[in-house]
């Protein structure tokens, strides 16, 4: 009988896997405040180096709060010190190795705000930008003291006997590193340090803009498209960016034309219309911080879509309680779930498969064409009738301990939201019978009843089950049933996918497990376990497209 109980639990959990709101509750809470603040943003001077037509950019209007660096420094510093100590054991027989070792030693001895500024000219109150000059990636950082960085490099060069290779472009001196067809360059300017790299011909062409001898016209000196993206999506000023599909594809097409002119195999003519259509459907990928403070850090990425596609995506959203906005009613050790209209999702997936095949055929990528055909064939299989009523669900492990290598004090819950919970239970029971087992009877009265006795599953108390009006629920542990009821009461549109985990508690649990086995957990220190808390990841449909949010709670030390 116990085997039958456990098998029914597995069947129910397996089944779980299988009008516009006034406000999207899945949108991060700071987005509205950030949108209002975006109008007052002022672009720093280094933005004048960013071409207005750059295909990609990620940059900061304002530096990250000093309080944030102060908060995480104490937790991260011990692990960074361990890494640098290991690097200091590297061999140092030739001048290049001696220079590298000297650089590591210099960093190891100056892991503080004052030390980094004194030796490297770096300060936490400075801005940065990562962008493309064409397709060539460029990173630019404001310096508090450019002479400090130059002085440290010159001193380490003399001590090691290794001279960094230099060259001059448009009267500007820069460091130059070549490896075959790849060129990496770097320069220390009046108040900035810049690094770039890529295919040698493209980097050579971009050199005047990289070393600052020439400013792009037009540029993002006024914030340009980056300011618009920051305001449109409600990102914080600490860092935002985008990849522009049309501009990126134009750059790639030019590269392909150059390749064809030089005798290479460029893209077939039939591919360009497919690329153009793709850029219209998905104009940009936007990303940025939502919040950065000593108690919380959050980021978001949005795949922008054309309005008609957004409207269709919103039809996939369904009501599944307990996880809207990336928040649980009760904090969990680990949890995952989500919700989607399966029938509409399947129809869109079929169209995606057709599009994938068409794109692969038009652009001469047979693997994509084959993948699209295989995907469509798999999707063509009908869903079981009972599965069509399933909207989604949530699984949450609230707590657990390890004693002698065995779990104990386990509490958690899992539920499936479905239009016909009774049919789902009956289907699970029939599957049990088909496998030769005996399914325990579950009362369909909305109340919790014992399903699996305590101890039948090692480390677990009794597993209870309830058949609600629109849900099948399982729970275990002293807190499991109450937490499940609270989660079911938290109504709202579910994310398409949701996952959360308590980083600090998991880190401690992993450390305890390693300690019981006589070892230690790599990368684990007490400050990190104390500082980092609940992390949440969720995907949903925003007014601009498909959004993915990531948030991490922290405890101020």
Protein backbone atom coordinates (compact mmCIF):
# COMPACT_ATOMS: atom_id res chain seq x y z
CA UNK A 1 0.00 0.00 0.00
CA UNK A 2 2.82 2.44 0.80
CA UNK A 3 4.31 1.95 -2.66
CA UNK A 4 0.90 2.81 -4.10
CA UNK A 5 0.76 6.00 -2.04
CA UNK A 6 4.19 7.14 -3.20
CA UNK A 7 3.47 6.32 -6.84
CA UNK A 8 0.27 8.37 -6.75
CA UNK A 9 2.21 11.36 -5.39
CA UNK A 10 4.69 10.98 -8.26
CA UNK A 11 1.86 10.79 -10.80
CA UNK A 12 0.26 13.98 -9.49
CA UNK A 13 3.55 15.90 -9.47
CA UNK A 14 4.28 14.62 -13.00
CA UNK A 15 0.90 15.90 -14.18
CA UNK A 16 1.74 19.30 -12.70
CA UNK A 17 4.77 19.46 -14.95
CA UNK A 18 2.82 18.60 -17.91
CA UNK A 19 -8.82 40.59 -20.42
CA UNK A 20 -5.65 42.91 -19.79
CA UNK A 21 -4.79 43.81 -16.19
CA UNK A 22 -4.73 47.41 -15.07
CA UNK A 23 -1.21 46.81 -13.79
CA UNK A 24 1.09 43.90 -14.42
CA UNK A 25 1.78 42.45 -10.97
CA UNK A 26 4.81 40.65 -12.37
CA UNK A 27 6.50 43.97 -13.24
CA UNK A 28 9.20 44.91 -10.66
CA UNK A 29 7.96 47.35 -8.06
CA UNK A 30 10.62 49.98 -8.81
CA UNK A 31 9.80 50.23 -12.54
CA UNK A 32 7.25 53.05 -12.17
CA UNK A 33 9.59 55.14 -9.99
CA UNK A 34 12.46 54.58 -12.42
CA UNK A 35 10.33 55.75 -15.38
CA UNK A 36 9.54 59.00 -13.59
CA UNK A 37 13.23 59.56 -12.73
CA UNK A 38 14.48 58.82 -16.27
CA UNK A 39 13.41 62.23 -17.59
CA UNK A 40 15.98 63.89 -15.31
CA UNK A 41 18.94 61.72 -16.36
CA UNK A 42 22.08 63.45 -17.60
CA UNK A 43 24.53 61.58 -19.81
CA UNK A 44 28.15 61.55 -18.57
CA UNK A 45 30.92 62.87 -20.82
CA UNK A 46 32.08 59.39 -21.87
CA UNK A 47 28.75 58.88 -23.73
CA UNK A 48 30.08 61.23 -26.43
CA UNK A 49 32.28 58.28 -27.51
CA UNK A 50 29.26 56.02 -28.16
CA UNK A 51 28.01 56.11 -31.78
CA UNK A 52 24.30 56.91 -32.04
CA UNK A 53 23.94 53.98 -34.44
CA UNK A 54 25.73 51.46 -32.24
CA UNK A 55 24.08 48.03 -32.57
CA UNK A 56 24.50 47.32 -28.85
CA UNK A 57 25.25 49.22 -25.66
CA UNK A 58 25.18 48.73 -21.88
CA UNK A 59 26.16 51.78 -19.83
CA UNK A 60 25.61 53.68 -16.59
CA UNK A 61 24.16 57.17 -16.21
CA UNK A 62 25.02 57.03 -12.51
CA UNK A 63 27.55 54.96 -10.52
CA UNK A 64 26.33 52.14 -8.33
CA UNK A 65 25.64 53.31 -4.76
CA UNK A 66 28.73 53.28 -2.55
CA UNK A 67 26.58 51.67 0.17
CA UNK A 68 26.07 48.69 -2.16
CA UNK A 69 29.81 48.18 -2.61
CA UNK A 70 30.31 48.55 1.13
CA UNK A 71 27.61 45.92 1.77
CA UNK A 72 28.96 43.23 -0.56
CA UNK A 73 32.65 43.93 -0.03
CA UNK A 74 32.93 42.14 3.29
CA UNK A 75 31.30 38.99 1.88
CA UNK A 76 33.14 38.83 -1.44
CA UNK A 77 36.60 39.95 -0.28
CA UNK A 78 37.59 36.68 1.51
CA UNK A 79 36.86 34.60 -1.60
CA UNK A 80 38.70 37.05 -3.85
CA UNK A 81 41.68 36.96 -1.51
CA UNK A 82 41.73 33.14 -1.73
CA UNK A 83 41.68 33.31 -5.53
CA UNK A 84 44.50 35.86 -5.66
CA UNK A 85 46.55 33.83 -3.16
CA UNK A 86 46.24 30.82 -5.47
CA UNK A 87 47.23 32.93 -8.48
CA UNK A 88 50.30 34.14 -6.62
CA UNK A 89 51.58 30.55 -6.68
CA UNK A 90 51.92 30.74 -10.48
CA UNK A 91 55.39 30.22 -11.96
CA UNK A 92 57.23 33.44 -12.79
CA UNK A 93 60.31 32.55 -14.78
CA UNK A 94 60.03 34.86 -17.81
CA UNK A 95 59.36 38.63 -17.86
CA UNK A 96 55.73 38.24 -18.96
CA UNK A 97 54.95 35.88 -16.08
CA UNK A 98 56.74 38.19 -13.66
CA UNK A 99 54.61 41.11 -14.85
CA UNK A 100 51.40 39.10 -14.41
CA UNK A 101 52.47 37.98 -10.93
CA UNK A 102 53.32 41.54 -9.98
CA UNK A 103 49.89 42.68 -11.11
CA UNK A 104 48.22 40.00 -8.96
CA UNK A 105 50.39 40.93 -5.98
CA UNK A 106 49.54 44.61 -6.42
CA UNK A 107 45.81 43.84 -6.47
CA UNK A 108 46.08 41.48 -3.49
CA UNK A 109 47.70 44.18 -1.41
CA UNK A 110 45.19 46.87 -2.31
CA UNK A 111 41.72 45.30 -1.91
CA UNK A 112 40.17 48.42 -0.43
CA UNK A 113 38.62 51.59 -1.80
CA UNK A 114 41.72 53.61 -0.91
CA UNK A 115 44.10 50.94 -2.24
CA UNK A 116 42.34 50.53 -5.60
CA UNK A 117 42.33 54.28 -6.12
CA UNK A 118 45.99 54.65 -5.12
CA UNK A 119 47.34 51.83 -7.31
CA UNK A 120 44.86 51.60 -10.19
CA UNK A 121 43.04 54.94 -10.20
CA UNK A 122 39.72 53.09 -9.83
CA UNK A 123 36.87 54.51 -7.75
CA UNK A 124 33.34 53.25 -7.03
CA UNK A 125 31.79 56.62 -7.92
CA UNK A 126 32.64 56.40 -11.63
CA UNK A 127 30.59 55.47 -14.72
CA UNK A 128 31.27 53.01 -17.53
CA UNK A 129 30.04 52.00 -20.97
CA UNK A 130 30.19 48.84 -23.08
CA UNK A 131 29.16 49.34 -26.71
CA UNK A 132 29.96 48.58 -30.32
CA UNK A 133 31.81 50.62 -32.90
CA UNK A 134 30.15 48.69 -35.67
CA UNK A 135 30.49 45.17 -34.37
CA UNK A 136 33.77 45.83 -32.48
CA UNK A 137 33.14 45.68 -28.69
CA UNK A 138 34.53 48.60 -26.66
CA UNK A 139 34.63 48.97 -22.87
CA UNK A 140 35.24 52.43 -21.42
CA UNK A 141 35.60 53.29 -17.70
CA UNK A 142 36.00 56.64 -15.97
CA UNK A 143 39.11 56.87 -13.78
CA UNK A 144 39.61 58.80 -10.58
CA UNK A 145 43.36 59.07 -11.31
CA UNK A 146 44.69 58.05 -14.73
CA UNK A 147 48.28 58.79 -13.65
CA UNK A 148 48.00 56.23 -10.84
CA UNK A 149 47.15 53.44 -13.31
CA UNK A 150 49.88 54.49 -15.76
CA UNK A 151 52.37 54.71 -12.93
CA UNK A 152 51.57 51.22 -11.64
CA UNK A 153 51.92 49.69 -15.12
CA UNK A 154 55.24 51.48 -15.69
CA UNK A 155 56.58 50.39 -12.30
CA UNK A 156 55.58 46.74 -12.79
CA UNK A 157 57.11 46.79 -16.28
CA UNK A 158 60.45 47.97 -14.91
CA UNK A 159 60.40 45.47 -12.03
CA UNK A 160 59.60 42.53 -14.33
CA UNK A 161 61.61 43.57 -17.38
CA UNK A 162 58.48 43.21 -19.50
CA UNK A 163 57.42 46.11 -21.70
CA UNK A 164 53.83 46.14 -22.91
CA UNK A 165 53.68 46.48 -26.72
CA UNK A 166 52.55 49.97 -27.73
CA UNK A 167 51.66 51.80 -30.92
CA UNK A 168 50.26 55.17 -32.00
CA UNK A 169 47.02 56.01 -33.79
CA UNK A 170 46.05 59.58 -34.72
CA UNK A 171 48.68 60.85 -32.29
CA UNK A 172 47.36 58.74 -29.41
CA UNK A 173 49.51 56.07 -27.77
CA UNK A 174 47.87 52.75 -26.97
CA UNK A 175 48.70 49.17 -25.95
CA UNK A 176 48.48 46.63 -28.77
CA UNK A 177 48.21 42.83 -28.54
CA UNK A 178 47.96 40.69 -31.67
CA UNK A 179 47.21 36.99 -31.98
CA UNK A 180 46.75 35.91 -35.58
CA UNK A 181 43.70 37.69 -36.99
CA UNK A 182 42.60 38.96 -33.56
CA UNK A 183 43.67 42.36 -32.26
CA UNK A 184 43.15 43.62 -28.69
CA UNK A 185 43.94 47.23 -27.84
CA UNK A 186 43.86 49.33 -24.70
CA UNK A 187 44.56 52.95 -23.79
CA UNK A 188 44.80 55.11 -20.70
CA UNK A 189 43.39 58.52 -21.60
CA UNK A 190 43.05 61.73 -19.58
CA UNK A 191 40.27 60.44 -17.32
CA UNK A 192 39.34 57.06 -18.80
CA UNK A 193 40.65 53.63 -19.58
CA UNK A 194 39.41 51.89 -22.73
CA UNK A 195 39.76 48.30 -23.98
CA UNK A 196 38.56 46.86 -27.30
CA UNK A 197 39.17 43.82 -29.47
CA UNK A 198 38.03 41.74 -32.39
CA UNK A 199 38.95 40.92 -36.00
CA UNK A 200 42.09 42.89 -36.87
CA UNK A 201 40.77 44.77 -39.95
CA UNK A 202 37.66 45.96 -38.07
CA UNK A 203 39.62 47.06 -34.97
CA UNK A 204 42.15 48.91 -37.14
CA UNK A 205 39.30 50.77 -38.84
CA UNK A 206 37.74 51.70 -35.49
CA UNK A 207 40.99 52.76 -33.76
CA UNK A 208 40.48 56.56 -34.00
CA UNK A 209 37.15 56.19 -32.20
CA UNK A 210 38.52 53.70 -29.65
CA UNK A 211 41.45 55.87 -28.53
CA UNK A 212 39.33 59.01 -28.54
CA UNK A 213 41.12 60.80 -31.35
CA UNK A 214 37.81 61.10 -33.17
CA UNK A 215 34.25 61.37 -31.83
CA UNK A 216 31.39 59.64 -33.64
CA UNK A 217 28.88 61.88 -35.38
CA UNK A 218 26.13 61.66 -34.31
CA UNK A 219 26.85 60.31 -30.83
CA UNK A 220 24.96 59.52 -27.63
CA UNK A 221 26.31 62.62 -25.89
CA UNK A 222 22.75 63.50 -24.88
CA UNK A 223 21.85 59.93 -23.86
CA UNK A 224 20.13 59.21 -27.17
CA UNK A 225 18.41 55.87 -27.61
CA UNK A 226 19.82 54.61 -24.30
CA UNK A 227 17.89 57.26 -22.38
CA UNK A 228 14.72 56.33 -24.28
CA UNK A 229 15.15 52.63 -23.47
CA UNK A 230 15.80 53.42 -19.81
CA UNK A 231 12.58 55.46 -19.60
CA UNK A 232 10.48 53.08 -21.72
CA UNK A 233 11.24 50.04 -19.56
CA UNK A 234 11.67 51.74 -16.20
CA UNK A 235 15.28 50.72 -15.64
CA UNK A 236 17.40 52.31 -12.93
CA UNK A 237 20.16 54.75 -13.87
CA UNK A 238 22.91 52.40 -12.61
CA UNK A 239 23.05 50.45 -15.88
CA UNK A 240 20.81 49.87 -18.88
CA UNK A 241 21.28 48.80 -22.45
CA UNK A 242 19.96 47.16 -25.57
CA UNK A 243 20.79 45.17 -28.68
CA UNK A 244 19.15 46.71 -31.75
CA UNK A 245 18.13 43.90 -34.11
CA UNK A 246 18.00 45.94 -37.32
CA UNK A 247 21.31 47.72 -36.69
CA UNK A 248 23.06 44.51 -35.68
CA UNK A 249 21.76 42.71 -38.75
CA UNK A 250 22.89 45.59 -40.99
CA UNK A 251 26.40 45.31 -39.57
CA UNK A 252 26.37 41.53 -40.02
CA UNK A 253 25.06 41.85 -43.59
CA UNK A 254 27.87 44.29 -44.41
CA UNK A 255 30.37 41.81 -43.01
CA UNK A 256 28.82 39.10 -45.18
CA UNK A 257 29.02 41.33 -48.26
CA UNK A 258 32.70 41.96 -47.56
CA UNK A 259 33.21 38.22 -47.17
CA UNK A 260 31.49 37.55 -50.51
CA UNK A 261 33.55 40.25 -52.25
CA UNK A 262 36.68 38.51 -51.03
CA UNK A 263 35.60 35.17 -52.46
CA UNK A 264 33.93 33.78 -49.34
CA UNK A 265 30.48 32.25 -49.06
CA UNK A 266 28.07 34.99 -47.96
CA UNK A 267 24.43 34.63 -46.99
CA UNK A 268 22.07 33.66 -49.83
CA UNK A 269 19.86 36.51 -51.18
CA UNK A 270 16.75 34.74 -49.85
CA UNK A 271 17.99 35.26 -46.27
CA UNK A 272 17.75 39.06 -46.09
CA UNK A 273 13.91 39.20 -46.19
CA UNK A 274 13.86 36.67 -43.33
CA UNK A 275 16.29 38.79 -41.31
CA UNK A 276 14.30 41.96 -41.99
CA UNK A 277 11.06 40.27 -40.88
CA UNK A 278 12.77 39.04 -37.73
CA UNK A 279 13.94 42.57 -36.87
CA UNK A 280 10.37 43.84 -37.23
CA UNK A 281 8.93 41.16 -34.94
CA UNK A 282 11.72 41.53 -32.37
CA UNK A 283 13.16 45.07 -32.69
CA UNK A 284 15.38 45.06 -29.61
CA UNK A 285 16.55 43.19 -26.57
CA UNK A 286 16.58 45.68 -23.67
CA UNK A 287 18.17 45.05 -20.27
CA UNK A 288 19.14 46.89 -17.13
CA UNK A 289 19.06 47.17 -13.36
CA UNK A 290 15.72 47.65 -11.62
CA UNK A 291 17.18 48.27 -8.20
CA UNK A 292 20.55 48.26 -6.47
CA UNK A 293 20.80 48.83 -2.72
CA UNK A 294 22.45 47.24 0.32
CA UNK A 295 19.31 45.13 0.80
CA UNK A 296 18.26 44.19 -2.74
CA UNK A 297 19.65 43.91 -6.27
CA UNK A 298 17.43 43.29 -9.28
CA UNK A 299 17.86 43.15 -13.06
CA UNK A 300 15.52 42.63 -15.99
CA UNK A 301 15.76 41.71 -19.67
CA UNK A 302 12.99 42.33 -22.22
CA UNK A 303 12.71 40.84 -25.70
CA UNK A 304 10.76 43.62 -27.38
CA UNK A 305 8.04 42.44 -29.77
CA UNK A 306 5.70 43.95 -32.33
CA UNK A 307 2.28 44.88 -30.77
CA UNK A 308 0.34 42.07 -32.47
CA UNK A 309 2.72 39.46 -31.10
CA UNK A 310 2.58 40.97 -27.60
CA UNK A 311 -1.21 40.72 -27.69
CA UNK A 312 -0.99 37.04 -28.59
CA UNK A 313 1.62 36.38 -25.90
CA UNK A 314 -0.64 37.97 -23.28
CA UNK A 315 -3.30 35.40 -24.16
CA UNK A 316 -0.93 32.72 -22.84
CA UNK A 317 -1.15 34.11 -19.30
CA UNK A 318 -3.44 32.36 -16.85
CA UNK A 319 -4.44 32.71 -13.19
CA UNK A 320 -2.23 30.50 -11.04
CA UNK A 321 -1.90 31.73 -7.44
CA UNK A 322 1.13 32.08 -5.25
CA UNK A 323 3.99 33.60 -7.30
CA UNK A 324 2.95 36.87 -8.98
CA UNK A 325 5.72 39.47 -9.02
CA UNK A 326 8.35 36.87 -8.15
CA UNK A 327 7.11 36.68 -4.56
CA UNK A 328 5.89 33.77 -2.44
CA UNK A 329 3.46 33.96 0.45
CA UNK A 330 6.07 32.13 2.57
CA UNK A 331 9.80 32.18 1.87
CA UNK A 332 11.01 28.83 0.58
CA UNK A 333 14.31 27.05 0.53
CA UNK A 334 13.64 26.42 -3.16
CA UNK A 335 10.50 26.72 -5.29
CA UNK A 336 9.50 26.57 -8.94
CA UNK A 337 6.30 26.85 -10.93
CA UNK A 338 4.44 28.86 -13.54
CA UNK A 339 1.32 28.97 -15.65
CA UNK A 340 0.35 28.95 -19.32
CA UNK A 341 -2.65 28.30 -21.56
CA UNK A 342 -1.45 25.00 -23.02
CA UNK A 343 -3.68 25.01 -26.11
CA UNK A 344 -2.70 28.55 -27.14
CA UNK A 345 0.92 27.89 -26.25
CA UNK A 346 0.93 24.81 -28.44
CA UNK A 347 -0.53 26.75 -31.38
CA UNK A 348 2.15 29.45 -31.07
CA UNK A 349 4.86 26.82 -30.77
CA UNK A 350 3.64 25.23 -34.00
CA UNK A 351 3.92 28.59 -35.77
CA UNK A 352 7.39 29.06 -34.31
CA UNK A 353 8.42 25.66 -35.68
CA UNK A 354 7.19 26.66 -39.14
CA UNK A 355 9.11 29.94 -38.91
CA UNK A 356 12.26 28.14 -37.81
CA UNK A 357 12.07 25.80 -40.80
CA UNK A 358 11.44 28.68 -43.21
CA UNK A 359 14.34 30.68 -41.79
CA UNK A 360 16.71 27.71 -41.97
CA UNK A 361 15.74 26.97 -45.59
CA UNK A 362 15.99 30.60 -46.74
CA UNK A 363 19.34 31.19 -45.04
CA UNK A 364 20.90 27.85 -45.96
CA UNK A 365 21.07 26.52 -42.39
CA UNK A 366 19.81 22.96 -42.77
CA UNK A 367 20.12 22.17 -39.06
CA UNK A 368 17.54 24.88 -38.23
CA UNK A 369 15.19 23.64 -40.93
CA UNK A 370 15.46 20.09 -39.60
CA UNK A 371 14.95 21.23 -36.00
CA UNK A 372 11.80 23.10 -36.97
CA UNK A 373 10.38 20.05 -38.74
CA UNK A 374 11.15 17.77 -35.79
CA UNK A 375 9.64 20.26 -33.35
CA UNK A 376 6.41 20.49 -35.37
CA UNK A 377 6.15 16.71 -35.61
CA UNK A 378 6.49 16.41 -31.84
CA UNK A 379 3.92 19.16 -31.19
CA UNK A 380 1.43 17.51 -33.54
CA UNK A 381 0.82 14.78 -30.95
CA UNK A 382 -2.51 15.43 -29.16
CA UNK A 383 -2.54 16.23 -25.45
CA UNK A 384 -4.50 13.94 -23.11
CA UNK A 385 -7.94 15.50 -22.51
CA UNK A 386 -7.28 15.97 -18.79
CA UNK A 387 -4.01 17.81 -19.52
CA UNK A 388 -5.81 20.49 -21.51
CA UNK A 389 -7.45 21.73 -18.32
CA UNK A 390 -4.14 22.16 -16.46
CA UNK A 391 -3.11 25.81 -16.08
CA UNK A 392 0.09 25.40 -14.08
CA UNK A 393 1.25 24.92 -10.54
CA UNK A 394 3.81 25.56 -7.84
CA UNK A 395 6.22 23.34 -5.89
CA UNK A 396 7.86 24.77 -2.77
CA UNK A 397 10.31 23.23 -0.30
CA UNK A 398 9.92 25.47 2.75
CA UNK A 399 12.57 23.97 5.00
CA UNK A 400 14.84 20.97 5.49
CA UNK A 401 17.74 19.91 7.66
CA UNK A 402 20.49 17.32 7.31
CA UNK A 403 21.38 15.06 10.21
CA UNK A 404 23.80 12.21 9.69
CA UNK A 405 23.48 12.67 5.94
CA UNK A 406 19.70 12.13 6.07
CA UNK A 407 17.00 14.77 5.57
CA UNK A 408 14.81 15.77 8.50
CA UNK A 409 12.28 18.46 9.45
CA UNK A 410 11.16 18.69 5.83
CA UNK A 411 8.19 20.95 5.09
CA UNK A 412 6.73 21.92 1.75
CA UNK A 413 3.84 21.78 -0.64
CA UNK A 414 2.94 21.30 -4.29
CA UNK A 415 -0.22 22.01 -6.19
CA UNK A 416 -1.64 21.74 -9.69
CA UNK A 417 -4.20 24.29 -10.89
CA UNK A 418 -6.68 22.63 -13.23
CA UNK A 419 -10.25 23.08 -14.46
CA UNK A 420 -11.08 19.54 -13.36
CA UNK A 421 -9.07 18.43 -10.32
CA UNK A 422 -11.24 15.34 -9.79
CA UNK A 423 -10.45 14.07 -13.30
CA UNK A 424 -6.74 14.61 -12.67
CA UNK A 425 -6.87 12.51 -9.50
CA UNK A 426 -8.87 9.81 -11.29
CA UNK A 427 -6.36 9.74 -14.15
CA UNK A 428 -3.47 9.34 -11.68
CA UNK A 429 -5.36 6.49 -9.99
CA UNK A 430 -5.96 4.76 -13.34
CA UNK A 431 -2.27 5.03 -14.17
CA UNK A 432 -1.54 3.38 -10.84
CA UNK A 433 -3.94 0.55 -11.61
CA UNK A 434 -2.42 0.06 -15.07
CA UNK A 435 0.99 -0.40 -13.39
CA UNK A 436 -0.44 -3.02 -11.07
CA UNK A 437 -0.55 -0.82 -7.99
CA UNK A 438 -3.36 0.07 -5.64
CA UNK A 439 -4.17 3.77 -5.45
CA UNK A 440 -5.27 5.20 -2.12
CA UNK A 441 -8.58 6.99 -2.20
CA UNK A 442 -8.47 10.80 -2.01
CA UNK A 443 -11.59 12.48 -0.68
CA UNK A 444 -12.80 15.30 -2.95
CA UNK A 445 -14.10 17.54 -0.19
CA UNK A 446 -11.49 20.33 -0.26
CA UNK A 447 -9.94 19.23 3.06
CA UNK A 448 -6.49 17.77 3.71
CA UNK A 449 -6.33 14.02 4.34
CA UNK A 450 -3.36 11.73 4.99
CA UNK A 451 -2.15 10.23 1.73
CA UNK A 452 1.25 8.76 2.67
CA UNK A 453 2.02 7.84 6.30
CA UNK A 454 4.96 9.37 8.13
CA UNK A 455 8.23 7.55 7.47
CA UNK A 456 7.09 5.93 4.20
CA UNK A 457 9.37 8.44 2.48
CA UNK A 458 12.66 8.74 4.43
CA UNK A 459 12.85 12.00 6.36
CA UNK A 460 9.26 13.07 5.63
CA UNK A 461 6.26 13.43 7.89
CA UNK A 462 2.90 12.30 6.57
CA UNK A 463 2.08 13.61 3.10
CA UNK A 464 -1.39 15.13 3.01
CA UNK A 465 -3.58 15.68 -0.05
CA UNK A 466 -6.56 17.90 -0.78
CA UNK A 467 -8.80 18.19 -3.84
CA UNK A 468 -9.89 21.82 -4.05
CA UNK A 469 -12.33 23.49 -6.45
CA UNK A 470 -9.57 24.21 -9.01
CA UNK A 471 -6.52 22.52 -7.53
CA UNK A 472 -4.94 19.27 -6.35
CA UNK A 473 -2.66 19.95 -3.40
CA UNK A 474 0.02 17.93 -1.61
CA UNK A 475 1.74 19.06 1.59
CA UNK A 476 4.07 17.73 4.25
CA UNK A 477 5.59 18.96 7.49
CA UNK A 478 4.21 21.12 10.26
CA UNK A 479 4.10 24.25 8.09
CA UNK A 480 3.21 22.64 4.76
CA UNK A 481 -0.62 22.73 4.78
CA UNK A 482 -0.90 26.27 6.15
CA UNK A 483 1.67 27.59 3.68
CA UNK A 484 -0.16 25.89 0.81
CA UNK A 485 -3.43 27.57 1.83
CA UNK A 486 -1.72 30.98 1.97
CA UNK A 487 -0.18 30.43 -1.46
CA UNK A 488 -3.54 29.44 -2.94
CA UNK A 489 -5.03 32.63 -1.51
CA UNK A 490 -2.48 34.85 -3.28
CA UNK A 491 -4.44 35.29 -6.52
CA UNK A 492 -3.13 36.80 -9.74
CA UNK A 493 -1.66 36.18 -13.17
CA UNK A 494 1.19 33.71 -12.88
CA UNK A 495 4.57 34.19 -14.51
CA UNK A 496 5.10 31.89 -17.47
CA UNK A 497 7.95 30.44 -15.41
CA UNK A 498 9.00 31.04 -11.82
CA UNK A 499 11.86 29.87 -9.62
CA UNK A 500 13.19 31.05 -6.28
CA UNK A 501 15.83 29.83 -3.86
CA UNK A 502 17.20 31.05 -0.57
CA UNK A 503 20.88 31.46 -1.41
CA UNK A 504 22.06 31.91 2.17
CA UNK A 505 20.11 28.95 3.58
CA UNK A 506 21.13 26.67 0.70
CA UNK A 507 24.75 27.74 1.09
CA UNK A 508 24.60 26.91 4.78
CA UNK A 509 22.83 23.61 4.12
CA UNK A 510 25.48 22.66 1.56
CA UNK A 511 28.22 23.68 3.99
CA UNK A 512 26.66 21.55 6.74
CA UNK A 513 26.48 18.56 4.37
CA UNK A 514 30.13 18.96 3.41
CA UNK A 515 31.13 19.32 7.07
CA UNK A 516 29.34 16.06 7.92
CA UNK A 517 31.39 14.38 5.18
CA UNK A 518 34.59 15.85 6.56
CA UNK A 519 35.10 18.50 3.87
CA UNK A 520 34.25 22.11 3.08
CA UNK A 521 32.14 23.73 0.42
CA UNK A 522 34.17 25.66 -2.22
CA UNK A 523 33.37 29.37 -2.28
CA UNK A 524 31.46 29.25 0.99
CA UNK A 525 32.16 31.62 3.86
CA UNK A 526 30.03 32.62 6.81
CA UNK A 527 29.57 36.23 5.68
CA UNK A 528 28.20 35.17 2.30
CA UNK A 529 25.74 32.78 3.94
CA UNK A 530 24.61 35.55 6.27
CA UNK A 531 24.34 38.25 3.62
CA UNK A 532 22.62 36.72 0.61
CA UNK A 533 18.98 35.78 0.97
CA UNK A 534 16.09 34.94 -1.30
CA UNK A 535 16.71 35.01 -5.06
CA UNK A 536 13.81 34.96 -7.51
CA UNK A 537 13.69 34.48 -11.27
CA UNK A 538 10.51 34.85 -13.29
CA UNK A 539 9.46 35.25 -16.93
CA UNK A 540 6.29 37.07 -17.93
CA UNK A 541 4.69 39.14 -20.71
CA UNK A 542 5.11 42.89 -20.24
CA UNK A 543 3.57 45.68 -22.32
CA UNK A 544 6.78 45.72 -24.38
CA UNK A 545 7.42 41.99 -24.87
CA UNK A 546 8.72 38.90 -23.12
CA UNK A 547 10.42 39.92 -19.88
CA UNK A 548 12.72 38.03 -17.52
CA UNK A 549 13.40 39.43 -14.03
CA UNK A 550 16.02 38.39 -11.49
CA UNK A 551 16.12 39.70 -7.93
CA UNK A 552 18.35 38.94 -4.94
CA UNK A 553 17.60 39.99 -1.37
CA UNK A 554 20.55 40.87 0.87
CA UNK A 555 21.01 41.49 4.55
CA UNK A 556 22.97 44.63 5.43
CA UNK A 557 26.03 43.69 7.50
